Amino acid sequence: MTLAPTELSLTPDKRLLIEWSDGSQRLYRVQELRDACPCATCREKRNAPPAPTSSMLLPVLSAAEARPLELQGMTPVGNYAYSIAFSDGHDTGIYTFDLLRELGTPAVG
């Protein structure tokens, strides 16, 4: 039996709560989901060697990067995944149900 989400919601502290077809619930921090983005660009960035930087240089952040990261929406992809849009403008990752089951923490309630 393939497990699938049965309900999606945001908690008051802005975490994603997914209820699964086996009755389990998992909580996801938005930054955790963004950091685990499975798109090709994000995978390449995670696997690239660190770029040499000067300790005197500070990164320049865009307005979107300076704001707290939020979920903007989730769109089903077939019967196996969701595409997640983030407030930093990123929306190309396809999060399979299997990946979502690996991420997050069990909800205690």
C-alpha atoms as a PDB file:
ATOM      1  CA  MET A   1       0.000   0.000   0.000  1.00  0.00           C
ATOM      2  CA  THR A   2       1.399   3.391  -0.961  1.00  0.00           C
ATOM      3  CA  LEU A   3       1.042   5.999   1.745  1.00  0.00           C
ATOM      4  CA  ALA A   4      -0.409   9.322   0.679  1.00  0.00           C
ATOM      5  CA  PRO A   5      -1.278  12.579   2.413  1.00  0.00           C
ATOM      6  CA  THR A   6      -4.919  12.890   3.417  1.00  0.00           C
ATOM      7  CA  GLU A   7      -4.768  16.420   4.854  1.00  0.00           C
ATOM      8  CA  LEU A   8      -2.368  19.377   4.762  1.00  0.00           C
ATOM      9  CA  SER A   9      -2.466  22.294   7.201  1.00  0.00           C
ATOM     10  CA  LEU A  10      -0.290  24.977   8.744  1.00  0.00           C
ATOM     11  CA  THR A  11       0.168  25.037  12.497  1.00  0.00           C
ATOM     12  CA  PRO A  12      -0.011  28.333  14.440  1.00  0.00           C
ATOM     13  CA  ASP A  13       3.817  28.377  14.469  1.00  0.00           C
ATOM     14  CA  LYS A  14       3.823  28.129  10.639  1.00  0.00           C
ATOM     15  CA  ARG A  15       4.953  24.509  10.356  1.00  0.00           C
ATOM     16  CA  LEU A  16       3.386  22.208   7.779  1.00  0.00           C
ATOM     17  CA  LEU A  17       1.346  19.358   9.236  1.00  0.00           C
ATOM     18  CA  ILE A  18       0.673  16.395   6.963  1.00  0.00           C
ATOM     19  CA  GLU A  19      -1.769  13.681   7.940  1.00  0.00           C
ATOM     20  CA  TRP A  20      -1.043  10.402   6.150  1.00  0.00           C
ATOM     21  CA  SER A  21      -3.311   7.590   4.967  1.00  0.00           C
ATOM     22  CA  ASP A  22      -1.957   5.279   7.698  1.00  0.00           C
ATOM     23  CA  GLY A  23      -3.186   7.726  10.364  1.00  0.00           C
ATOM     24  CA  SER A  24       0.254   9.114  11.196  1.00  0.00           C
ATOM     25  CA  GLN A  25       1.034  12.833  11.264  1.00  0.00           C
ATOM     26  CA  ARG A  26       4.330  14.585  10.535  1.00  0.00           C
ATOM     27  CA  LEU A  27       5.439  18.168  11.132  1.00  0.00           C
ATOM     28  CA  TYR A  28       7.792  20.034   8.777  1.00  0.00           C
ATOM     29  CA  ARG A  29       9.709  23.251   9.313  1.00  0.00           C
ATOM     30  CA  VAL A  30       9.595  25.408   6.181  1.00  0.00           C
ATOM     31  CA  GLN A  31      13.387  25.826   6.155  1.00  0.00           C
ATOM     32  CA  GLU A  32      13.824  22.042   6.382  1.00  0.00           C
ATOM     33  CA  LEU A  33      11.672  21.574   3.288  1.00  0.00           C
ATOM     34  CA  ARG A  34      13.514  24.334   1.423  1.00  0.00           C
ATOM     35  CA  ASP A  35      16.925  22.914   2.381  1.00  0.00           C
ATOM     36  CA  ALA A  36      15.874  19.462   1.132  1.00  0.00           C
ATOM     37  CA  CYS A  37      14.601  20.716  -2.233  1.00  0.00           C
ATOM     38  CA  PRO A  38      15.142  17.884  -4.715  1.00  0.00           C
ATOM     39  CA  CYS A  39      15.376  20.025  -7.877  1.00  0.00           C
ATOM     40  CA  ALA A  40      18.522  19.744  -9.996  1.00  0.00           C
ATOM     41  CA  THR A  41      19.728  23.262  -9.182  1.00  0.00           C
ATOM     42  CA  CYS A  42      19.467  22.749  -5.413  1.00  0.00           C
ATOM     43  CA  ARG A  43      21.083  19.287  -5.593  1.00  0.00           C
ATOM     44  CA  GLU A  44      24.008  20.798  -7.528  1.00  0.00           C
ATOM     45  CA  LYS A  45      24.403  23.603  -4.979  1.00  0.00           C
ATOM     46  CA  ARG A  46      24.368  21.134  -2.066  1.00  0.00           C
ATOM     47  CA  ASN A  47      26.975  18.909  -3.740  1.00  0.00           C
ATOM     48  CA  ALA A  48      29.265  21.691  -5.005  1.00  0.00           C
ATOM     49  CA  PRO A  49      32.489  22.410  -3.134  1.00  0.00           C
ATOM     50  CA  PRO A  50      32.289  25.552  -1.042  1.00  0.00           C
ATOM     51  CA  ALA A  51      33.241  28.667  -2.955  1.00  0.00           C
ATOM     52  CA  PRO A  52      36.263  30.524  -1.602  1.00  0.00           C
ATOM     53  CA  THR A  53      35.168  33.647   0.225  1.00  0.00           C
ATOM     54  CA  SER A  54      36.836  36.384   2.093  1.00  0.00           C
ATOM     55  CA  SER A  55      35.963  36.627   5.756  1.00  0.00           C
ATOM     56  CA  MET A  56      35.613  40.370   5.207  1.00  0.00           C
ATOM     57  CA  LEU A  57      32.749  40.086   2.712  1.00  0.00           C
ATOM     58  CA  LEU A  58      29.141  39.927   3.819  1.00  0.00           C
ATOM     59  CA  PRO A  59      26.531  38.305   1.597  1.00  0.00           C
ATOM     60  CA  VAL A  60      24.000  40.610  -0.019  1.00  0.00           C
ATOM     61  CA  LEU A  61      20.480  39.354   0.526  1.00  0.00           C
ATOM     62  CA  SER A  62      17.511  40.099  -1.688  1.00  0.00           C
ATOM     63  CA  ALA A  63      14.340  41.417  -0.048  1.00  0.00           C
ATOM     64  CA  ALA A  64      12.784  37.939  -0.364  1.00  0.00           C
ATOM     65  CA  GLU A  65      15.799  36.323   1.320  1.00  0.00           C
ATOM     66  CA  ALA A  66      15.693  38.837   4.191  1.00  0.00           C
ATOM     67  CA  ARG A  67      12.080  37.989   5.104  1.00  0.00           C
ATOM     68  CA  PRO A  68      11.204  34.863   7.094  1.00  0.00           C
ATOM     69  CA  LEU A  69      10.742  31.918   4.737  1.00  0.00           C
ATOM     70  CA  GLU A  70       7.117  30.849   4.278  1.00  0.00           C
ATOM     71  CA  LEU A  71       5.149  28.309   2.285  1.00  0.00           C
ATOM     72  CA  GLN A  72       3.230  30.017  -0.505  1.00  0.00           C
ATOM     73  CA  GLY A  73       1.430  26.933  -1.763  1.00  0.00           C
ATOM     74  CA  MET A  74       1.516  23.234  -2.557  1.00  0.00           C
ATOM     75  CA  THR A  75       0.307  21.733  -5.821  1.00  0.00           C
ATOM     76  CA  PRO A  76      -0.249  17.999  -6.351  1.00  0.00           C
ATOM     77  CA  VAL A  77       1.938  16.365  -8.994  1.00  0.00           C
ATOM     78  CA  GLY A  78       0.152  13.246 -10.189  1.00  0.00           C
ATOM     79  CA  ASN A  79      -0.610  10.820  -7.385  1.00  0.00           C
ATOM     80  CA  TYR A  80       2.925  10.718  -6.019  1.00  0.00           C
ATOM     81  CA  ALA A  81       4.241  14.185  -5.102  1.00  0.00           C
ATOM     82  CA  TYR A  82       3.750  17.890  -4.394  1.00  0.00           C
ATOM     83  CA  SER A  83       5.388  20.932  -5.895  1.00  0.00           C
ATOM     84  CA  ILE A  84       6.040  23.451  -3.124  1.00  0.00           C
ATOM     85  CA  ALA A  85       6.262  27.218  -3.668  1.00  0.00           C
ATOM     86  CA  PHE A  86       8.309  29.201  -1.143  1.00  0.00           C
ATOM     87  CA  SER A  87       8.286  32.916  -0.347  1.00  0.00           C
ATOM     88  CA  ASP A  88      11.854  33.247  -1.694  1.00  0.00           C
ATOM     89  CA  GLY A  89      10.441  32.578  -5.176  1.00  0.00           C
ATOM     90  CA  HIS A  90      11.658  28.988  -5.440  1.00  0.00           C
ATOM     91  CA  ASP A  91       9.050  26.520  -6.720  1.00  0.00           C
ATOM     92  CA  THR A  92      10.770  23.922  -8.926  1.00  0.00           C
ATOM     93  CA  GLY A  93      11.207  21.060  -6.452  1.00  0.00           C
ATOM     94  CA  ILE A  94       9.000  17.984  -6.747  1.00  0.00           C
ATOM     95  CA  TYR A  95       8.650  16.447  -3.267  1.00  0.00           C
ATOM     96  CA  THR A  96       7.631  12.803  -3.624  1.00  0.00           C
ATOM     97  CA  PHE A  97       5.528  11.243  -0.908  1.00  0.00           C
ATOM     98  CA  ASP A  98       8.501   8.988  -0.071  1.00  0.00           C
ATOM     99  CA  LEU A  99      10.743  12.037   0.440  1.00  0.00           C
ATOM    100  CA  LEU A 100       8.114  13.760   2.584  1.00  0.00           C
ATOM    101  CA  ARG A 101       7.865  10.636   4.755  1.00  0.00           C
ATOM    102  CA  GLU A 102      11.635  10.808   5.333  1.00  0.00           C
ATOM    103  CA  LEU A 103      11.578  14.491   6.295  1.00  0.00           C
ATOM    104  CA  GLY A 104       9.910  16.126   9.268  1.00  0.00           C
ATOM    105  CA  THR A 105       9.224  14.721  12.688  1.00  0.00           C
ATOM    106  CA  PRO A 106       6.310  12.707  14.039  1.00  0.00           C
ATOM    107  CA  ALA A 107       3.590  14.961  15.421  1.00  0.00           C
ATOM    108  CA  VAL A 108       2.864  14.279  19.062  1.00  0.00           C
ATOM    109  CA  GLY A 109      -0.688  14.915  19.936  1.00  0.00           C
END
